[in-house]
Amino acid sequence: MSGSSSIHHPARRENKRNESPASGMEQPRLSCNSSNRLVMAIGGIIISVRPEDRKDTEILLARFAGLTIYSSDEQGHIIARLNEVDVEAVHTVIDRIKALEIVLGVRLAFLSQDEDGVTNG
């Protein structure tokens, strides 16, 4: 039971594949681990860019599935959340963001992996 997550960004609302029609809320991406339990990992990140590159970076980040931008400031800090299938996937996306030439750095502020106890049987 896995799927691709929609991107939530104020400037890009057209991609709503995993949003609940009733609520408009983004649905979490889930996968099954080796014990057949549903798993989701959430990471909070701070992305640093030059202040003059902030808007362009937000546009680039809007292409990352599972990434939600919450805020940014005039100093070039972008606060975002990643919803992924597991911790390894969160780190993979962070590495992809770090590889963007426009990005100066990415810091992981928090990381949580949740098993909801429901089996996929």
PDB file of N, CA and C in Angstrom:
ATOM      1  N   MET A   1       0.839  -1.182   0.000  1.00  0.00           N
ATOM      2  CA  MET A   1       0.000   0.000   0.000  1.00  0.00           C
ATOM      3  C   MET A   1       0.872   1.228   0.000  1.00  0.00           C
ATOM      4  N   SER A   2       1.577   1.450  -1.056  1.00  0.00           N
ATOM      5  CA  SER A   2       2.394   2.649  -1.154  1.00  0.00           C
ATOM      6  C   SER A   2       1.945   3.430  -2.361  1.00  0.00           C
ATOM      7  N   GLY A   3       2.232   4.711  -2.355  1.00  0.00           N
ATOM      8  CA  GLY A   3       1.858   5.566  -3.466  1.00  0.00           C
ATOM      9  C   GLY A   3       2.706   6.803  -3.450  1.00  0.00           C
ATOM     10  N   SER A   4       2.607   7.561  -4.482  1.00  0.00           N
ATOM     11  CA  SER A   4       3.385   8.794  -4.497  1.00  0.00           C
ATOM     12  C   SER A   4       2.579   9.886  -3.822  1.00  0.00           C
ATOM     13  N   SER A   5       3.266  10.711  -3.090  1.00  0.00           N
ATOM     14  CA  SER A   5       2.607  11.772  -2.337  1.00  0.00           C
ATOM     15  C   SER A   5       2.550  13.038  -3.162  1.00  0.00           C
ATOM     16  N   SER A   6       1.524  13.815  -2.912  1.00  0.00           N
ATOM     17  CA  SER A   6       1.429  15.083  -3.619  1.00  0.00           C
ATOM     18  C   SER A   6       2.306  16.116  -2.947  1.00  0.00           C
ATOM     19  N   ILE A   7       2.598  17.134  -3.695  1.00  0.00           N
ATOM     20  CA  ILE A   7       3.415  18.231  -3.203  1.00  0.00           C
ATOM     21  C   ILE A   7       2.465  19.301  -2.694  1.00  0.00           C
ATOM     22  N   HIS A   8       2.720  19.796  -1.504  1.00  0.00           N
ATOM     23  CA  HIS A   8       1.914  20.890  -0.985  1.00  0.00           C
ATOM     24  C   HIS A   8       2.784  22.133  -0.932  1.00  0.00           C
ATOM     25  N   HIS A   9       2.490  23.070  -1.776  1.00  0.00           N
ATOM     26  CA  HIS A   9       3.222  24.325  -1.803  1.00  0.00           C
ATOM     27  C   HIS A   9       2.222  25.379  -2.246  1.00  0.00           C
ATOM     28  N   PRO A  10       2.180  26.508  -1.565  1.00  0.00           N
ATOM     29  CA  PRO A  10       1.178  27.516  -1.903  1.00  0.00           C
ATOM     30  C   PRO A  10       1.141  27.896  -3.374  1.00  0.00           C
ATOM     31  N   ALA A  11       2.284  27.899  -4.033  1.00  0.00           N
ATOM     32  CA  ALA A  11       2.326  28.315  -5.431  1.00  0.00           C
ATOM     33  C   ALA A  11       1.937  27.194  -6.391  1.00  0.00           C
ATOM     34  N   ARG A  12       1.836  25.946  -5.885  1.00  0.00           N
ATOM     35  CA  ARG A  12       1.568  24.821  -6.772  1.00  0.00           C
ATOM     36  C   ARG A  12       0.512  23.916  -6.164  1.00  0.00           C
ATOM     37  N   ARG A  13      -0.754  24.229  -6.346  1.00  0.00           N
ATOM     38  CA  ARG A  13      -1.837  23.450  -5.772  1.00  0.00           C
ATOM     39  C   ARG A  13      -2.447  22.479  -6.784  1.00  0.00           C
ATOM     40  N   GLU A  14      -1.928  22.422  -8.010  1.00  0.00           N
ATOM     41  CA  GLU A  14      -2.567  21.588  -9.014  1.00  0.00           C
ATOM     42  C   GLU A  14      -2.322  20.098  -8.816  1.00  0.00           C
ATOM     43  N   ASN A  15      -1.311  19.687  -8.083  1.00  0.00           N
ATOM     44  CA  ASN A  15      -0.965  18.280  -7.911  1.00  0.00           C
ATOM     45  C   ASN A  15      -1.547  17.775  -6.596  1.00  0.00           C
ATOM     46  N   LYS A  16      -2.746  17.145  -6.652  1.00  0.00           N
ATOM     47  CA  LYS A  16      -3.445  16.741  -5.438  1.00  0.00           C
ATOM     48  C   LYS A  16      -3.741  15.245  -5.437  1.00  0.00           C
ATOM     49  N   ARG A  17      -2.887  14.431  -6.010  1.00  0.00           N
ATOM     50  CA  ARG A  17      -3.165  13.008  -6.151  1.00  0.00           C
ATOM     51  C   ARG A  17      -3.444  12.299  -4.832  1.00  0.00           C
ATOM     52  N   ASN A  18      -2.778  12.629  -3.758  1.00  0.00           N
ATOM     53  CA  ASN A  18      -2.970  11.939  -2.488  1.00  0.00           C
ATOM     54  C   ASN A  18      -3.723  12.777  -1.473  1.00  0.00           C
ATOM     55  N   GLU A  19      -4.471  13.750  -1.929  1.00  0.00           N
ATOM     56  CA  GLU A  19      -5.238  14.542  -1.000  1.00  0.00           C
ATOM     57  C   GLU A  19      -6.642  13.976  -0.897  1.00  0.00           C
ATOM     58  N   SER A  20      -7.160  13.960   0.301  1.00  0.00           N
ATOM     59  CA  SER A  20      -8.515  13.507   0.541  1.00  0.00           C
ATOM     60  C   SER A  20      -9.474  14.520  -0.070  1.00  0.00           C
ATOM     61  N   PRO A  21     -10.413  14.068  -0.916  1.00  0.00           N
ATOM     62  CA  PRO A  21     -11.322  15.022  -1.548  1.00  0.00           C
ATOM     63  C   PRO A  21     -12.175  15.762  -0.523  1.00  0.00           C
ATOM     64  N   ALA A  22     -12.521  15.102   0.566  1.00  0.00           N
ATOM     65  CA  ALA A  22     -13.391  15.723   1.558  1.00  0.00           C
ATOM     66  C   ALA A  22     -12.673  16.803   2.348  1.00  0.00           C
ATOM     67  N   SER A  23     -11.434  16.554   2.708  1.00  0.00           N
ATOM     68  CA  SER A  23     -10.747  17.476   3.603  1.00  0.00           C
ATOM     69  C   SER A  23      -9.725  18.365   2.915  1.00  0.00           C
ATOM     70  N   GLY A  24      -9.226  17.963   1.745  1.00  0.00           N
ATOM     71  CA  GLY A  24      -8.160  18.702   1.097  1.00  0.00           C
ATOM     72  C   GLY A  24      -6.819  18.502   1.782  1.00  0.00           C
ATOM     73  N   MET A  25      -6.743  17.598   2.768  1.00  0.00           N
ATOM     74  CA  MET A  25      -5.514  17.350   3.519  1.00  0.00           C
ATOM     75  C   MET A  25      -4.656  16.327   2.788  1.00  0.00           C
ATOM     76  N   GLU A  26      -3.357  16.535   2.836  1.00  0.00           N
ATOM     77  CA  GLU A  26      -2.407  15.614   2.221  1.00  0.00           C
ATOM     78  C   GLU A  26      -2.419  14.299   2.987  1.00  0.00           C
ATOM     79  N   GLN A  27      -2.485  13.197   2.263  1.00  0.00           N
ATOM     80  CA  GLN A  27      -2.462  11.884   2.880  1.00  0.00           C
ATOM     81  C   GLN A  27      -1.024  11.400   2.991  1.00  0.00           C
ATOM     82  N   PRO A  28      -0.644  10.767   4.115  1.00  0.00           N
ATOM     83  CA  PRO A  28       0.738  10.313   4.291  1.00  0.00           C
ATOM     84  C   PRO A  28       1.073   9.159   3.365  1.00  0.00           C
ATOM     85  N   ARG A  29       2.351   9.080   2.996  1.00  0.00           N
ATOM     86  CA  ARG A  29       2.845   7.962   2.208  1.00  0.00           C
ATOM     87  C   ARG A  29       3.152   6.828   3.158  1.00  0.00           C
ATOM     88  N   LEU A  30       2.699   5.643   2.850  1.00  0.00           N
ATOM     89  CA  LEU A  30       2.906   4.497   3.719  1.00  0.00           C
ATOM     90  C   LEU A  30       3.532   3.359   2.935  1.00  0.00           C
ATOM     91  N   SER A  31       4.301   2.536   3.627  1.00  0.00           N
ATOM     92  CA  SER A  31       4.830   1.325   3.025  1.00  0.00           C
ATOM     93  C   SER A  31       4.764   0.230   4.071  1.00  0.00           C
ATOM     94  N   CYS A  32       5.087  -0.971   3.667  1.00  0.00           N
ATOM     95  CA  CYS A  32       5.118  -2.078   4.605  1.00  0.00           C
ATOM     96  C   CYS A  32       6.562  -2.468   4.851  1.00  0.00           C
ATOM     97  N   ASN A  33       6.928  -2.649   6.125  1.00  0.00           N
ATOM     98  CA  ASN A  33       8.283  -3.103   6.432  1.00  0.00           C
ATOM     99  C   ASN A  33       8.313  -4.625   6.393  1.00  0.00           C
ATOM    100  N   SER A  34       9.444  -5.223   6.775  1.00  0.00           N
ATOM    101  CA  SER A  34       9.605  -6.670   6.656  1.00  0.00           C
ATOM    102  C   SER A  34       8.630  -7.446   7.535  1.00  0.00           C
ATOM    103  N   SER A  35       8.100  -6.843   8.586  1.00  0.00           N
ATOM    104  CA  SER A  35       7.133  -7.535   9.432  1.00  0.00           C
ATOM    105  C   SER A  35       5.704  -7.275   8.963  1.00  0.00           C
ATOM    106  N   ASN A  36       5.548  -6.700   7.770  1.00  0.00           N
ATOM    107  CA  ASN A  36       4.252  -6.444   7.159  1.00  0.00           C
ATOM    108  C   ASN A  36       3.439  -5.412   7.935  1.00  0.00           C
ATOM    109  N   ARG A  37       4.117  -4.449   8.579  1.00  0.00           N
ATOM    110  CA  ARG A  37       3.444  -3.367   9.280  1.00  0.00           C
ATOM    111  C   ARG A  37       3.573  -2.091   8.449  1.00  0.00           C
ATOM    112  N   LEU A  38       2.553  -1.253   8.500  1.00  0.00           N
ATOM    113  CA  LEU A  38       2.600   0.008   7.781  1.00  0.00           C
ATOM    114  C   LEU A  38       3.564   0.956   8.484  1.00  0.00           C
ATOM    115  N   VAL A  39       4.398   1.637   7.699  1.00  0.00           N
ATOM    116  CA  VAL A  39       5.443   2.509   8.235  1.00  0.00           C
ATOM    117  C   VAL A  39       5.407   3.841   7.500  1.00  0.00           C
ATOM    118  N   MET A  40       5.712   4.906   8.226  1.00  0.00           N
ATOM    119  CA  MET A  40       5.869   6.216   7.618  1.00  0.00           C
ATOM    120  C   MET A  40       6.970   6.943   8.372  1.00  0.00           C
ATOM    121  N   ALA A  41       7.839   7.619   7.658  1.00  0.00           N
ATOM    122  CA  ALA A  41       8.890   8.426   8.276  1.00  0.00           C
ATOM    123  C   ALA A  41       8.642   9.891   7.940  1.00  0.00           C
ATOM    124  N   ILE A  42       8.825  10.750   8.944  1.00  0.00           N
ATOM    125  CA  ILE A  42       8.638  12.184   8.773  1.00  0.00           C
ATOM    126  C   ILE A  42       9.910  12.883   9.228  1.00  0.00           C
ATOM    127  N   GLY A  43      10.415  13.759   8.400  1.00  0.00           N
ATOM    128  CA  GLY A  43      11.609  14.520   8.754  1.00  0.00           C
ATOM    129  C   GLY A  43      11.371  16.006   8.578  1.00  0.00           C
ATOM    130  N   GLY A  44      11.802  16.786   9.550  1.00  0.00           N
ATOM    131  CA  GLY A  44      11.756  18.239   9.441  1.00  0.00           C
ATOM    132  C   GLY A  44      13.137  18.727   9.035  1.00  0.00           C
ATOM    133  N   ILE A  45      13.211  19.553   8.000  1.00  0.00           N
ATOM    134  CA  ILE A  45      14.511  19.998   7.500  1.00  0.00           C
ATOM    135  C   ILE A  45      14.553  21.513   7.359  1.00  0.00           C
ATOM    136  N   ILE A  46      15.769  22.037   7.447  1.00  0.00           N
ATOM    137  CA  ILE A  46      16.037  23.447   7.207  1.00  0.00           C
ATOM    138  C   ILE A  46      17.010  23.516   6.029  1.00  0.00           C
ATOM    139  N   ILE A  47      16.594  24.173   4.975  1.00  0.00           N
ATOM    140  CA  ILE A  47      17.390  24.287   3.759  1.00  0.00           C
ATOM    141  C   ILE A  47      17.929  25.711   3.705  1.00  0.00           C
ATOM    142  N   SER A  48      19.237  25.843   3.517  1.00  0.00           N
ATOM    143  CA  SER A  48      19.874  27.162   3.456  1.00  0.00           C
ATOM    144  C   SER A  48      20.299  27.480   2.028  1.00  0.00           C
ATOM    145  N   VAL A  49      19.929  28.680   1.601  1.00  0.00           N
ATOM    146  CA  VAL A  49      20.299  29.170   0.271  1.00  0.00           C
ATOM    147  C   VAL A  49      20.662  30.643   0.393  1.00  0.00           C
ATOM    148  N   ARG A  50      21.256  31.199  -0.657  1.00  0.00           N
ATOM    149  CA  ARG A  50      21.487  32.641  -0.668  1.00  0.00           C
ATOM    150  C   ARG A  50      20.115  33.329  -0.698  1.00  0.00           C
ATOM    151  N   PRO A  51      19.970  34.426   0.029  1.00  0.00           N
ATOM    152  CA  PRO A  51      18.663  35.098   0.071  1.00  0.00           C
ATOM    153  C   PRO A  51      18.076  35.399  -1.310  1.00  0.00           C
ATOM    154  N   GLU A  52      18.924  35.769  -2.242  1.00  0.00           N
ATOM    155  CA  GLU A  52      18.421  36.085  -3.591  1.00  0.00           C
ATOM    156  C   GLU A  52      17.975  34.837  -4.360  1.00  0.00           C
ATOM    157  N   ASP A  53      18.334  33.643  -3.878  1.00  0.00           N
ATOM    158  CA  ASP A  53      17.949  32.384  -4.538  1.00  0.00           C
ATOM    159  C   ASP A  53      16.751  31.705  -3.875  1.00  0.00           C
ATOM    160  N   ARG A  54      16.202  32.311  -2.831  1.00  0.00           N
ATOM    161  CA  ARG A  54      15.145  31.650  -2.047  1.00  0.00           C
ATOM    162  C   ARG A  54      13.927  31.281  -2.898  1.00  0.00           C
ATOM    163  N   LYS A  55      13.388  32.199  -3.646  1.00  0.00           N
ATOM    164  CA  LYS A  55      12.179  31.926  -4.448  1.00  0.00           C
ATOM    165  C   LYS A  55      12.435  30.855  -5.510  1.00  0.00           C
ATOM    166  N   ASP A  56      13.574  30.944  -6.206  1.00  0.00           N
ATOM    167  CA  ASP A  56      13.902  29.929  -7.209  1.00  0.00           C
ATOM    168  C   ASP A  56      14.057  28.553  -6.566  1.00  0.00           C
ATOM    169  N   THR A  57      14.634  28.511  -5.377  1.00  0.00           N
ATOM    170  CA  THR A  57      14.807  27.237  -4.681  1.00  0.00           C
ATOM    171  C   THR A  57      13.457  26.655  -4.294  1.00  0.00           C
ATOM    172  N   GLU A  58      12.542  27.492  -3.833  1.00  0.00           N
ATOM    173  CA  GLU A  58      11.207  27.008  -3.484  1.00  0.00           C
ATOM    174  C   GLU A  58      10.519  26.386  -4.695  1.00  0.00           C
ATOM    175  N   ILE A  59      10.718  26.978  -5.858  1.00  0.00           N
ATOM    176  CA  ILE A  59      10.142  26.425  -7.082  1.00  0.00           C
ATOM    177  C   ILE A  59      10.751  25.051  -7.383  1.00  0.00           C
ATOM    178  N   LEU A  60      12.080  24.930  -7.246  1.00  0.00           N
ATOM    179  CA  LEU A  60      12.740  23.632  -7.457  1.00  0.00           C
ATOM    180  C   LEU A  60      12.264  22.593  -6.445  1.00  0.00           C
ATOM    181  N   LEU A  61      12.130  22.990  -5.194  1.00  0.00           N
ATOM    182  CA  LEU A  61      11.722  22.053  -4.143  1.00  0.00           C
ATOM    183  C   LEU A  61      10.292  21.580  -4.331  1.00  0.00           C
ATOM    184  N   ALA A  62       9.464  22.373  -4.974  1.00  0.00           N
ATOM    185  CA  ALA A  62       8.071  21.990  -5.212  1.00  0.00           C
ATOM    186  C   ALA A  62       7.964  20.735  -6.083  1.00  0.00           C
ATOM    187  N   ARG A  63       9.030  20.376  -6.764  1.00  0.00           N
ATOM    188  CA  ARG A  63       9.039  19.178  -7.617  1.00  0.00           C
ATOM    189  C   ARG A  63       9.295  17.892  -6.832  1.00  0.00           C
ATOM    190  N   PHE A  64       9.696  18.009  -5.564  1.00  0.00           N
ATOM    191  CA  PHE A  64       9.993  16.831  -4.757  1.00  0.00           C
ATOM    192  C   PHE A  64       8.712  16.280  -4.143  1.00  0.00           C
ATOM    193  N   ALA A  65       8.348  15.059  -4.535  1.00  0.00           N
ATOM    194  CA  ALA A  65       7.179  14.403  -3.947  1.00  0.00           C
ATOM    195  C   ALA A  65       7.423  14.186  -2.460  1.00  0.00           C
ATOM    196  N   GLY A  66       6.402  14.413  -1.664  1.00  0.00           N
ATOM    197  CA  GLY A  66       6.513  14.194  -0.232  1.00  0.00           C
ATOM    198  C   GLY A  66       7.095  15.350   0.546  1.00  0.00           C
ATOM    199  N   LEU A  67       7.442  16.443  -0.117  1.00  0.00           N
ATOM    200  CA  LEU A  67       8.036  17.597   0.557  1.00  0.00           C
ATOM    201  C   LEU A  67       6.994  18.702   0.678  1.00  0.00           C
ATOM    202  N   THR A  68       6.853  19.235   1.885  1.00  0.00           N
ATOM    203  CA  THR A  68       5.947  20.348   2.144  1.00  0.00           C
ATOM    204  C   THR A  68       6.762  21.514   2.678  1.00  0.00           C
ATOM    205  N   ILE A  69       6.690  22.652   2.018  1.00  0.00           N
ATOM    206  CA  ILE A  69       7.369  23.852   2.491  1.00  0.00           C
ATOM    207  C   ILE A  69       6.424  24.580   3.440  1.00  0.00           C
ATOM    208  N   TYR A  70       6.915  24.851   4.648  1.00  0.00           N
ATOM    209  CA  TYR A  70       6.094  25.546   5.635  1.00  0.00           C
ATOM    210  C   TYR A  70       6.387  27.027   5.707  1.00  0.00           C
ATOM    211  N   SER A  71       7.642  27.411   5.591  1.00  0.00           N
ATOM    212  CA  SER A  71       7.968  28.831   5.639  1.00  0.00           C
ATOM    213  C   SER A  71       9.371  29.054   5.103  1.00  0.00           C
ATOM    214  N   SER A  72       9.669  30.328   4.894  1.00  0.00           N
ATOM    215  CA  SER A  72      11.021  30.738   4.522  1.00  0.00           C
ATOM    216  C   SER A  72      11.202  32.163   5.010  1.00  0.00           C
ATOM    217  N   ASP A  73      12.455  32.573   5.128  1.00  0.00           N
ATOM    218  CA  ASP A  73      12.713  33.933   5.606  1.00  0.00           C
ATOM    219  C   ASP A  73      13.649  34.669   4.655  1.00  0.00           C
ATOM    220  N   GLU A  74      13.824  35.931   4.924  1.00  0.00           N
ATOM    221  CA  GLU A  74      14.641  36.798   4.067  1.00  0.00           C
ATOM    222  C   GLU A  74      16.128  36.450   4.110  1.00  0.00           C
ATOM    223  N   GLN A  75      16.562  35.665   5.097  1.00  0.00           N
ATOM    224  CA  GLN A  75      17.968  35.258   5.197  1.00  0.00           C
ATOM    225  C   GLN A  75      18.276  34.020   4.352  1.00  0.00           C
ATOM    226  N   GLY A  76      17.252  33.424   3.739  1.00  0.00           N
ATOM    227  CA  GLY A  76      17.471  32.273   2.868  1.00  0.00           C
ATOM    228  C   GLY A  76      17.288  30.928   3.552  1.00  0.00           C
ATOM    229  N   HIS A  77      16.537  30.885   4.654  1.00  0.00           N
ATOM    230  CA  HIS A  77      16.237  29.619   5.329  1.00  0.00           C
ATOM    231  C   HIS A  77      14.840  29.158   4.925  1.00  0.00           C
ATOM    232  N   ILE A  78      14.742  27.908   4.512  1.00  0.00           N
ATOM    233  CA  ILE A  78      13.469  27.329   4.092  1.00  0.00           C
ATOM    234  C   ILE A  78      13.171  26.170   5.038  1.00  0.00           C
ATOM    235  N   ILE A  79      12.010  26.203   5.680  1.00  0.00           N
ATOM    236  CA  ILE A  79      11.594  25.165   6.618  1.00  0.00           C
ATOM    237  C   ILE A  79      10.629  24.238   5.886  1.00  0.00           C
ATOM    238  N   ALA A  80      10.921  22.936   5.920  1.00  0.00           N
ATOM    239  CA  ALA A  80      10.102  21.977   5.178  1.00  0.00           C
ATOM    240  C   ALA A  80       9.961  20.670   5.944  1.00  0.00           C
ATOM    241  N   ARG A  81       8.961  19.891   5.542  1.00  0.00           N
ATOM    242  CA  ARG A  81       8.735  18.564   6.100  1.00  0.00           C
ATOM    243  C   ARG A  81       8.777  17.549   4.959  1.00  0.00           C
ATOM    244  N   LEU A  82       9.385  16.405   5.243  1.00  0.00           N
ATOM    245  CA  LEU A  82       9.408  15.291   4.298  1.00  0.00           C
ATOM    246  C   LEU A  82       8.564  14.158   4.844  1.00  0.00           C
ATOM    247  N   ASN A  83       7.654  13.641   4.041  1.00  0.00           N
ATOM    248  CA  ASN A  83       6.911  12.423   4.350  1.00  0.00           C
ATOM    249  C   ASN A  83       7.442  11.351   3.415  1.00  0.00           C
ATOM    250  N   GLU A  84       8.011  10.332   3.964  1.00  0.00           N
ATOM    251  CA  GLU A  84       8.566   9.257   3.139  1.00  0.00           C
ATOM    252  C   GLU A  84       8.187   7.902   3.731  1.00  0.00           C
ATOM    253  N   VAL A  85       8.553   6.844   3.014  1.00  0.00           N
ATOM    254  CA  VAL A  85       8.177   5.503   3.422  1.00  0.00           C
ATOM    255  C   VAL A  85       9.038   4.965   4.554  1.00  0.00           C
ATOM    256  N   ASP A  86      10.266   5.463   4.692  1.00  0.00           N
ATOM    257  CA  ASP A  86      11.132   5.043   5.794  1.00  0.00           C
ATOM    258  C   ASP A  86      12.263   6.053   5.965  1.00  0.00           C
ATOM    259  N   VAL A  87      13.045   5.858   7.020  1.00  0.00           N
ATOM    260  CA  VAL A  87      14.134   6.787   7.341  1.00  0.00           C
ATOM    261  C   VAL A  87      15.153   6.857   6.211  1.00  0.00           C
ATOM    262  N   GLU A  88      15.465   5.739   5.609  1.00  0.00           N
ATOM    263  CA  GLU A  88      16.430   5.725   4.510  1.00  0.00           C
ATOM    264  C   GLU A  88      15.962   6.606   3.355  1.00  0.00           C
ATOM    265  N   ALA A  89      14.662   6.564   3.059  1.00  0.00           N
ATOM    266  CA  ALA A  89      14.123   7.392   1.979  1.00  0.00           C
ATOM    267  C   ALA A  89      14.219   8.882   2.318  1.00  0.00           C
ATOM    268  N   VAL A  90      14.013   9.234   3.596  1.00  0.00           N
ATOM    269  CA  VAL A  90      14.175  10.636   4.020  1.00  0.00           C
ATOM    270  C   VAL A  90      15.600  11.095   3.739  1.00  0.00           C
ATOM    271  N   HIS A  91      16.583  10.272   4.122  1.00  0.00           N
ATOM    272  CA  HIS A  91      17.983  10.639   3.900  1.00  0.00           C
ATOM    273  C   HIS A  91      18.324  10.712   2.411  1.00  0.00           C
ATOM    274  N   THR A  92      17.715   9.867   1.606  1.00  0.00           N
ATOM    275  CA  THR A  92      17.936   9.903   0.161  1.00  0.00           C
ATOM    276  C   THR A  92      17.445  11.223  -0.427  1.00  0.00           C
ATOM    277  N   VAL A  93      16.270  11.669  -0.007  1.00  0.00           N
ATOM    278  CA  VAL A  93      15.743  12.946  -0.507  1.00  0.00           C
ATOM    279  C   VAL A  93      16.623  14.107  -0.032  1.00  0.00           C
ATOM    280  N   ILE A  94      17.071  14.063   1.215  1.00  0.00           N
ATOM    281  CA  ILE A  94      17.969  15.106   1.720  1.00  0.00           C
ATOM    282  C   ILE A  94      19.232  15.169   0.861  1.00  0.00           C
ATOM    283  N   ASP A  95      19.791  14.021   0.522  1.00  0.00           N
ATOM    284  CA  ASP A  95      20.985  13.997  -0.337  1.00  0.00           C
ATOM    285  C   ASP A  95      20.695  14.594  -1.714  1.00  0.00           C
ATOM    286  N   ARG A  96      19.508  14.332  -2.255  1.00  0.00           N
ATOM    287  CA  ARG A  96      19.128  14.905  -3.553  1.00  0.00           C
ATOM    288  C   ARG A  96      19.000  16.420  -3.466  1.00  0.00           C
ATOM    289  N   ILE A  97      18.449  16.913  -2.351  1.00  0.00           N
ATOM    290  CA  ILE A  97      18.326  18.363  -2.171  1.00  0.00           C
ATOM    291  C   ILE A  97      19.705  18.993  -2.025  1.00  0.00           C
ATOM    292  N   LYS A  98      20.584  18.361  -1.249  1.00  0.00           N
ATOM    293  CA  LYS A  98      21.954  18.869  -1.068  1.00  0.00           C
ATOM    294  C   LYS A  98      22.694  18.953  -2.400  1.00  0.00           C
ATOM    295  N   ALA A  99      22.367  18.074  -3.335  1.00  0.00           N
ATOM    296  CA  ALA A  99      23.059  18.032  -4.619  1.00  0.00           C
ATOM    297  C   ALA A  99      22.660  19.182  -5.553  1.00  0.00           C
ATOM    298  N   LEU A 100      21.580  19.894  -5.235  1.00  0.00           N
ATOM    299  CA  LEU A 100      21.189  21.030  -6.063  1.00  0.00           C
ATOM    300  C   LEU A 100      22.230  22.139  -5.916  1.00  0.00           C
ATOM    301  N   GLU A 101      22.704  22.661  -7.020  1.00  0.00           N
ATOM    302  CA  GLU A 101      23.753  23.692  -6.987  1.00  0.00           C
ATOM    303  C   GLU A 101      23.344  24.926  -6.204  1.00  0.00           C
ATOM    304  N   ILE A 102      22.086  25.252  -6.228  1.00  0.00           N
ATOM    305  CA  ILE A 102      21.572  26.458  -5.591  1.00  0.00           C
ATOM    306  C   ILE A 102      21.518  26.337  -4.065  1.00  0.00           C
ATOM    307  N   VAL A 103      21.566  25.108  -3.546  1.00  0.00           N
ATOM    308  CA  VAL A 103      21.436  24.853  -2.106  1.00  0.00           C
ATOM    309  C   VAL A 103      22.809  24.914  -1.429  1.00  0.00           C
ATOM    310  N   LEU A 104      22.883  25.707  -0.356  1.00  0.00           N
ATOM    311  CA  LEU A 104      24.124  25.817   0.423  1.00  0.00           C
ATOM    312  C   LEU A 104      24.241  24.710   1.463  1.00  0.00           C
ATOM    313  N   GLY A 105      23.115  24.273   2.020  1.00  0.00           N
ATOM    314  CA  GLY A 105      23.150  23.227   3.034  1.00  0.00           C
ATOM    315  C   GLY A 105      21.754  22.800   3.439  1.00  0.00           C
ATOM    316  N   VAL A 106      21.676  21.595   4.022  1.00  0.00           N
ATOM    317  CA  VAL A 106      20.416  21.051   4.534  1.00  0.00           C
ATOM    318  C   VAL A 106      20.698  20.464   5.907  1.00  0.00           C
ATOM    319  N   ARG A 107      19.870  20.867   6.875  1.00  0.00           N
ATOM    320  CA  ARG A 107      20.001  20.322   8.231  1.00  0.00           C
ATOM    321  C   ARG A 107      18.725  19.578   8.585  1.00  0.00           C
ATOM    322  N   LEU A 108      18.892  18.429   9.224  1.00  0.00           N
ATOM    323  CA  LEU A 108      17.755  17.642   9.694  1.00  0.00           C
ATOM    324  C   LEU A 108      17.412  18.113  11.099  1.00  0.00           C
ATOM    325  N   ALA A 109      16.222  18.685  11.276  1.00  0.00           N
ATOM    326  CA  ALA A 109      15.805  19.208  12.574  1.00  0.00           C
ATOM    327  C   ALA A 109      15.158  18.130  13.431  1.00  0.00           C
ATOM    328  N   PHE A 110      14.387  17.237  12.813  1.00  0.00           N
ATOM    329  CA  PHE A 110      13.808  16.104  13.532  1.00  0.00           C
ATOM    330  C   PHE A 110      13.525  14.984  12.556  1.00  0.00           C
ATOM    331  N   LEU A 111      13.440  13.777  13.094  1.00  0.00           N
ATOM    332  CA  LEU A 111      13.157  12.597  12.286  1.00  0.00           C
ATOM    333  C   LEU A 111      12.344  11.634  13.132  1.00  0.00           C
ATOM    334  N   SER A 112      11.239  11.193  12.590  1.00  0.00           N
ATOM    335  CA  SER A 112      10.368  10.273  13.311  1.00  0.00           C
ATOM    336  C   SER A 112       9.908   9.179  12.362  1.00  0.00           C
ATOM    337  N   GLN A 113       9.976   7.946  12.825  1.00  0.00           N
ATOM    338  CA  GLN A 113       9.434   6.827  12.054  1.00  0.00           C
ATOM    339  C   GLN A 113       8.317   6.216  12.860  1.00  0.00           C
ATOM    340  N   ASP A 114       7.167   6.072  12.265  1.00  0.00           N
ATOM    341  CA  ASP A 114       5.993   5.613  12.973  1.00  0.00           C
ATOM    342  C   ASP A 114       5.465   4.328  12.350  1.00  0.00           C
ATOM    343  N   GLU A 115       5.293   3.325  13.181  1.00  0.00           N
ATOM    344  CA  GLU A 115       4.602   2.102  12.768  1.00  0.00           C
ATOM    345  C   GLU A 115       3.239   2.167  13.418  1.00  0.00           C
ATOM    346  N   ASP A 116       2.192   2.134  12.609  1.00  0.00           N
ATOM    347  CA  ASP A 116       0.859   2.345  13.169  1.00  0.00           C
ATOM    348  C   ASP A 116       0.227   1.088  13.747  1.00  0.00           C
ATOM    349  N   GLY A 117       0.901  -0.038  13.656  1.00  0.00           N
ATOM    350  CA  GLY A 117       0.385  -1.253  14.264  1.00  0.00           C
ATOM    351  C   GLY A 117      -0.638  -1.987  13.428  1.00  0.00           C
ATOM    352  N   VAL A 118      -0.969  -1.467  12.248  1.00  0.00           N
ATOM    353  CA  VAL A 118      -1.930  -2.139  11.380  1.00  0.00           C
ATOM    354  C   VAL A 118      -1.159  -3.007  10.415  1.00  0.00           C
ATOM    355  N   THR A 119      -1.501  -4.280  10.341  1.00  0.00           N
ATOM    356  CA  THR A 119      -0.825  -5.160   9.388  1.00  0.00           C
ATOM    357  C   THR A 119      -1.514  -5.089   8.053  1.00  0.00           C
ATOM    358  N   ASN A 120      -0.770  -5.358   7.030  1.00  0.00           N
ATOM    359  CA  ASN A 120      -1.286  -5.328   5.668  1.00  0.00           C
ATOM    360  C   ASN A 120      -1.495  -6.772   5.224  1.00  0.00           C
ATOM    361  N   GLY A 121      -2.399  -7.457   5.851  1.00  0.00           N
ATOM    362  CA  GLY A 121      -2.566  -8.872   5.591  1.00  0.00           C
ATOM    363  C   GLY A 121      -3.819  -9.177   4.940  1.00  0.00           C
TER     364      GLY A 121
END
